[in-house]
Amino acid sequence: MSNFNFDKLNVLGDHIVKEYIPQYFPGFSLSIYENNKESYYVENGFLDIEKKISVSRETIFRIFSMTKPIVSTAAMKLFELRKFDLIDPVTKFIPEWENLEEYKSGSRGKFQVEKLTRPMRILDLFTHTAGLTYALQRVTPVDKEYRRSGIENVVDSRGFHGTKSSDEIINLLAQIPLEFQPGDFYHYSLAIDILGFIIERISNQPLDDYLKENIFKPLGMKDTSFYVDKSSVDRLAPCYRWSEEKGLYEDLDKNKDPKIKYIDFFNKPKVFSGGAGLLSTMKDYQQFGSALLNARLGESNPLVNQETAKLMMVNHLRDGLDMTEISKKPLAGEEYYKGIGFGLGGSVVVDPKKNLNKSYKEDFGWGGAAGTSFFISPQKRYSVVFMTQVLESEENRRLNKDIRNLINSALLN
């Protein structure tokens, strides 16, 4: 039996179409699962504007950072096998980082640094508190050093220009100081890419093979991969960006700008990005989301046991702080993160009263750079996946707020 009023849920679909399609997003799909079954689905608009191809459950999307919850869950399967502990130093698996230091001042070639007061731990990678960063942030001298070293925008492994191995990337990072002492701050970073490299070292498998064996095949996620098969190219949604100057959506796959070469998902990458490298479909990602919900509820699933799922879905940030209270610098859209902490691979609601969204404690999820998002609600026993494909949209956060508020307003109790 569903926990939703479907008349109210239909308001959700109508609202998205009226407020956002096509003026902010060319197309979308959204589904809600309860009890391993789809209880609501809506789609509208185009997968491909030029070819007038409609969005469907089988449309393949670049999910970017929605890769992170999958890879974090994959790592927790190794945790259950006692291959690592959350408090293990990262150097247990990456000895190349034995001499990491903290950045204090100065610029390239003249960095002033301090020794670490404690080792970087595996937990710090899961929660983005390791002291790592992203080159795409382009703010600090450390960000700039990532770019200079060729550790580019790790929106997927093409950010490494396909020329460096994971070992080479690790060795490059060994030469760059951390932004801060591990554990001190939350700072979004390539930490889950590093976790992916650790999975490879522990399992002695490439990350794509490990994920196929332990996540995708058990869940029947046949369309989830690091690159699109030639037979499925027609189902891959172009990645768009709105151009104010041109007054239209630009298809970035056709753009020759070298700054956006990371958009390429047509070829097998040399390095598999655990932080942002996957493609998936609505149908596939809901298999993952509903299985993760089942794990949290103690129901049958091929992922992790209930205790592990509970461990993933509690706030692990220092002193129980939320993301806004512990962030190294102000978060973009900071008001949306009040009352939200960070678990193992995703955000977790710790104080619904502080949050702008209508939410429930332990709601867990994350989103991707091109507007995709997912969350599960253990209290209300449902999972949600939203798919679209527009980079750099200023409407993403408002849309996600609307989705959460309207879904939770449609609950029967």
Foldseek 3Di string as FASTA:
>chain_A
DDQFDVVLVVVLQVCCCVPPDPLFFQKKKKFKDFPNDTPDIDIDGPLEPVVRHGDDQLFKEQFQQLLLVLLLLLLVVVVVVVLDDQFAAPCVQVVLQVFAWEFDDDAPPDTDTHHAPDGQGNNLLQQQQRLAAALVVVDDRLSVLCVVLQVHGPSWPCSSVLPDAPNRSSNSVSVGHGNDHRQQFHYDHLSQQSVQVSCCRSVVHASQVSCVVQPCVQLVQPQKGLAGDPVCVVSYRFFWAQDPVVRDTDRVVPDPPPSVPVSDRHDDGNHGRSRRRMMGGNVNVVSVQLLLLCQCVQHDHRGDHNVSSVQQQAAPRPPRAWNCVRHPDHDVVNQQRFQWGGGRRWIFRRDCVSHPANADGSWTWDGHQQQWIKTAHNVSRMIMTMDGHYGPRPCSSVSVRSSRRSRVVRGND
